[in-house]
Amino acid sequence: MKKLNLAAIVCYFIGIALSHADYSTNTITTPGGVYAFSVNGSDPVNPTVQLVAGVTNVLIIDTDPIHPVVITSTPNIFDWYAGADAQVVNEGLINVTTPDAGFPSALYYMCYNHGFYGEIDISPPLSPTPLANTILQVQVGDNIVMTSTGTNTTWLVVPQFSSNLLTGAWSPVPNYTNTFANGTNTTTFPRLDAICGPNVFLRLSQQQN
């Protein structure tokens, strides 16, 4: 990711390159500090989370400090899953990455201090995995211009934005164009000042044509 000249822009952009077509987020909380997890606002009964293999899934953790979360391979607080980064989190993100093949059928999100947990079911990949995509540069002028590598014409690059990584949803950037030449994709769209407020986060997702 390139550093931006903050004096020249209104919005603050962070580029996140996605290397897979599917990308999901789930928010895990402990409402009122209870000894049970809620996922995406569900009743706190440690519901099963559905994830897809071969992608990086983001778990947004916002639990009571006495209930930090670990991701495990078995219902054992010490059997940490190697594809989870980070662990023992009560406020922040845990990225859970599983391979395309040979993936576990289930993982577990557990309270590191008390051992209560919910299951994470892993489903097979829905589509072939695209090439790893890397954002090279974000230029801010009358338009926003993002250059990236690693993709090809088999995959459609879709820029997305969010104003709040903890509570906001990702939305497609309006009125964008993509061009691909010599291994580099150029994504162009109007400035987002009018809809993003003082902060905005950008990422590129890939969808199969």
Protein backbone atom coordinates (compact mmCIF):
# COMPACT_ATOMS: atom_id res chain seq x y z
CA MET A 1 0.00 0.00 0.00
CA LYS A 2 1.29 3.45 -0.94
CA LYS A 3 1.32 6.33 1.53
CA LEU A 4 -1.08 9.14 0.65
CA ASN A 5 -0.65 12.88 0.99
CA LEU A 6 -3.38 13.53 3.57
CA ALA A 7 -3.20 17.28 3.00
CA ALA A 8 -4.41 16.79 -0.56
CA ILE A 9 -7.51 14.76 0.21
CA VAL A 10 -10.62 14.89 2.36
CA CYS A 11 -11.10 11.16 2.86
CA TYR A 12 -8.49 8.76 4.28
CA PHE A 13 -8.11 5.64 2.17
CA ILE A 14 -6.72 2.25 3.17
CA GLY A 15 -6.30 -0.29 0.37
CA ILE A 16 -6.97 -3.95 1.14
CA ALA A 17 -6.11 -6.41 -1.62
CA LEU A 18 -8.34 -9.50 -1.62
CA SER A 19 -6.88 -12.66 -3.05
CA HIS A 20 -10.19 -14.55 -3.25
CA ALA A 21 -13.60 -14.16 -4.86
CA ASP A 22 -15.51 -14.70 -1.64
CA TYR A 23 -15.01 -12.64 1.46
CA SER A 24 -17.28 -12.47 4.49
CA THR A 25 -17.47 -10.77 7.86
CA ASN A 26 -19.21 -11.86 11.06
CA THR A 27 -19.39 -9.83 14.27
CA ILE A 28 -18.99 -11.73 17.56
CA THR A 29 -20.11 -10.02 20.77
CA THR A 30 -20.99 -10.86 24.39
CA PRO A 31 -24.04 -8.67 25.05
CA GLY A 32 -24.02 -7.40 28.62
CA GLY A 33 -20.91 -9.45 29.39
CA VAL A 34 -22.91 -12.69 29.50
CA TYR A 35 -21.17 -16.06 29.33
CA ALA A 36 -22.32 -16.73 25.76
CA PHE A 37 -21.53 -15.37 22.31
CA SER A 38 -23.81 -13.51 19.93
CA VAL A 39 -23.05 -13.49 16.20
CA ASN A 40 -24.38 -10.64 14.05
CA GLY A 41 -26.86 -9.65 16.75
CA SER A 42 -28.32 -13.11 17.33
CA ASP A 43 -29.52 -14.21 20.75
CA PRO A 44 -26.38 -15.10 22.78
CA VAL A 45 -26.57 -18.86 22.31
CA ASN A 46 -23.23 -19.46 20.54
CA PRO A 47 -24.74 -19.96 17.07
CA THR A 48 -22.97 -21.89 14.32
CA VAL A 49 -21.11 -19.68 11.83
CA GLN A 50 -21.04 -20.71 8.16
CA LEU A 51 -17.79 -19.99 6.27
CA VAL A 52 -16.41 -21.00 2.87
CA ALA A 53 -13.07 -22.75 2.34
CA GLY A 54 -10.31 -21.17 0.30
CA VAL A 55 -10.98 -17.59 1.40
CA THR A 56 -10.01 -15.23 4.18
CA ASN A 57 -13.03 -14.67 6.41
CA VAL A 58 -12.94 -11.79 8.89
CA LEU A 59 -14.39 -12.13 12.38
CA ILE A 60 -15.04 -8.75 14.00
CA ILE A 61 -14.60 -9.24 17.74
CA ASP A 62 -16.23 -6.88 20.22
CA THR A 63 -16.60 -8.84 23.47
CA ASP A 64 -16.31 -8.11 27.16
CA PRO A 65 -12.61 -7.98 28.18
CA ILE A 66 -13.06 -11.11 30.31
CA HIS A 67 -14.22 -13.07 27.23
CA PRO A 68 -11.39 -12.89 24.63
CA VAL A 69 -11.87 -15.10 21.57
CA VAL A 70 -9.61 -17.80 20.16
CA ILE A 71 -10.20 -19.90 17.03
CA THR A 72 -9.49 -23.60 17.59
CA SER A 73 -9.41 -26.82 15.61
CA THR A 74 -11.18 -28.76 18.38
CA PRO A 75 -13.31 -27.66 21.38
CA ASN A 76 -10.10 -27.07 23.35
CA ILE A 77 -8.90 -23.55 24.18
CA PHE A 78 -5.26 -24.59 23.64
CA ASP A 79 -5.75 -26.20 20.19
CA TRP A 80 -5.38 -22.94 18.25
CA TYR A 81 -6.08 -23.07 14.53
CA ALA A 82 -2.94 -22.09 12.59
CA GLY A 83 -4.94 -20.21 9.94
CA ALA A 84 -6.33 -17.70 12.46
CA ASP A 85 -4.61 -14.34 12.89
CA ALA A 86 -4.73 -13.02 15.60
CA GLN A 87 -5.77 -14.95 18.71
CA VAL A 88 -7.00 -14.01 22.22
CA VAL A 89 -8.89 -10.97 20.91
CA ASN A 90 -11.68 -9.11 22.68
CA GLU A 91 -11.65 -6.01 20.47
CA GLY A 92 -10.40 -6.14 16.89
CA LEU A 93 -10.26 -8.48 13.90
CA ILE A 94 -9.45 -12.18 13.56
CA ASN A 95 -8.72 -13.29 9.98
CA VAL A 96 -9.58 -16.95 9.44
CA THR A 97 -7.97 -18.43 6.32
CA THR A 98 -8.64 -21.96 5.10
CA PRO A 99 -7.12 -23.76 2.10
CA ASP A 100 -9.02 -24.68 -1.08
CA ALA A 101 -8.45 -28.39 -0.44
CA GLY A 102 -7.80 -30.40 2.70
CA PHE A 103 -9.65 -27.84 4.80
CA PRO A 104 -11.17 -28.71 8.19
CA SER A 105 -14.91 -29.40 8.18
CA ALA A 106 -15.33 -27.42 11.39
CA LEU A 107 -13.53 -24.92 13.60
CA TYR A 108 -14.56 -23.34 16.89
CA TYR A 109 -14.69 -19.81 18.28
CA MET A 110 -14.07 -20.05 22.01
CA CYS A 111 -13.78 -17.88 25.10
CA TYR A 112 -10.13 -18.20 26.09
CA ASN A 113 -10.90 -17.70 29.80
CA HIS A 114 -14.06 -19.77 30.26
CA GLY A 115 -14.20 -22.30 27.41
CA PHE A 116 -17.73 -21.64 26.10
CA TYR A 117 -17.80 -21.82 22.34
CA GLY A 118 -19.67 -21.95 19.05
CA GLU A 119 -18.94 -23.98 15.93
CA ILE A 120 -17.67 -22.69 12.59
CA ASP A 121 -18.80 -24.94 9.72
CA ILE A 122 -16.54 -24.86 6.65
CA SER A 123 -18.15 -25.42 3.23
CA PRO A 124 -16.27 -26.30 0.01
CA PRO A 125 -15.21 -23.41 -2.25
CA LEU A 126 -18.03 -22.02 -4.38
CA SER A 127 -15.85 -21.15 -7.36
CA PRO A 128 -12.26 -21.39 -8.57
CA THR A 129 -9.81 -19.24 -6.63
CA PRO A 130 -8.64 -16.14 -8.50
CA LEU A 131 -5.07 -14.99 -8.72
CA ALA A 132 -3.74 -13.09 -5.73
CA ASN A 133 -4.45 -9.39 -6.23
CA THR A 134 -2.26 -6.61 -4.84
CA ILE A 135 -3.10 -2.91 -4.74
CA LEU A 136 -0.05 -0.99 -5.96
CA GLN A 137 -1.16 2.61 -5.72
CA VAL A 138 -4.11 4.87 -4.91
CA GLN A 139 -4.07 8.28 -6.58
CA VAL A 140 -6.47 11.03 -5.46
CA GLY A 141 -7.40 13.89 -7.75
CA ASP A 142 -10.71 14.78 -9.36
CA ASN A 143 -11.14 10.98 -9.50
CA ILE A 144 -9.73 8.08 -7.50
CA VAL A 145 -7.41 5.82 -9.51
CA MET A 146 -6.38 2.44 -8.05
CA THR A 147 -3.80 0.29 -9.82
CA SER A 148 -3.41 -3.39 -8.95
CA THR A 149 -1.71 -6.51 -10.24
CA GLY A 150 -2.26 -10.24 -10.11
CA THR A 151 -5.67 -10.44 -11.72
CA ASN A 152 -6.64 -11.26 -15.31
CA THR A 153 -9.63 -10.89 -17.61
CA THR A 154 -11.22 -14.07 -16.19
CA TRP A 155 -12.03 -12.13 -13.02
CA LEU A 156 -14.03 -8.92 -12.65
CA VAL A 157 -12.45 -6.49 -10.19
CA VAL A 158 -15.07 -4.69 -8.07
CA PRO A 159 -13.96 -1.78 -5.83
CA GLN A 160 -15.83 -1.58 -2.52
CA PHE A 161 -15.87 0.97 0.30
CA SER A 162 -16.83 1.18 3.97
CA SER A 163 -16.80 4.06 6.44
CA ASN A 164 -16.67 1.85 9.55
CA LEU A 165 -14.92 -1.54 9.68
CA LEU A 166 -16.58 -2.52 12.96
CA THR A 167 -20.21 -1.72 12.25
CA GLY A 168 -20.47 -0.73 8.61
CA ALA A 169 -21.11 -2.92 5.58
CA TRP A 170 -19.00 -2.97 2.43
CA SER A 171 -20.72 -1.42 -0.61
CA PRO A 172 -19.73 -1.37 -4.28
CA VAL A 173 -18.18 1.91 -5.38
CA PRO A 174 -20.58 3.68 -7.76
CA ASN A 175 -19.70 4.60 -11.33
CA TYR A 176 -16.36 2.81 -11.57
CA THR A 177 -14.46 1.60 -14.63
CA ASN A 178 -11.76 -1.07 -14.97
CA THR A 179 -9.12 -1.50 -17.64
CA PHE A 180 -6.62 -4.36 -17.81
CA ALA A 181 -3.37 -4.21 -19.76
CA ASN A 182 0.09 -5.74 -19.42
CA GLY A 183 -0.72 -7.45 -16.14
CA THR A 184 -2.02 -4.30 -14.44
CA ASN A 185 -5.63 -3.39 -13.67
CA THR A 186 -6.63 0.28 -13.41
CA THR A 187 -9.82 1.07 -11.49
CA THR A 188 -11.20 4.61 -11.71
CA PHE A 189 -14.18 6.19 -9.93
CA PRO A 190 -15.33 9.62 -8.67
CA ARG A 191 -14.24 10.90 -5.25
CA LEU A 192 -16.35 9.61 -2.37
CA ASP A 193 -16.28 12.71 -0.17
CA ALA A 194 -20.02 13.29 -0.45
CA ILE A 195 -20.94 9.81 0.81
CA CYS A 196 -18.05 8.63 2.97
CA GLY A 197 -17.65 11.33 5.59
CA PRO A 198 -14.16 11.94 7.04
CA ASN A 199 -12.98 8.32 6.76
CA VAL A 200 -13.30 5.65 4.13
CA PHE A 201 -11.73 2.23 3.64
CA LEU A 202 -11.28 0.72 0.18
CA ARG A 203 -10.79 -2.83 -1.00
CA LEU A 204 -10.86 -4.75 -4.28
CA SER A 205 -12.91 -7.93 -4.56
CA GLN A 206 -12.83 -10.30 -7.51
CA GLN A 207 -15.83 -11.96 -9.13
CA GLN A 208 -15.65 -14.52 -11.91
CA ASN A 209 -16.80 -13.22 -15.29
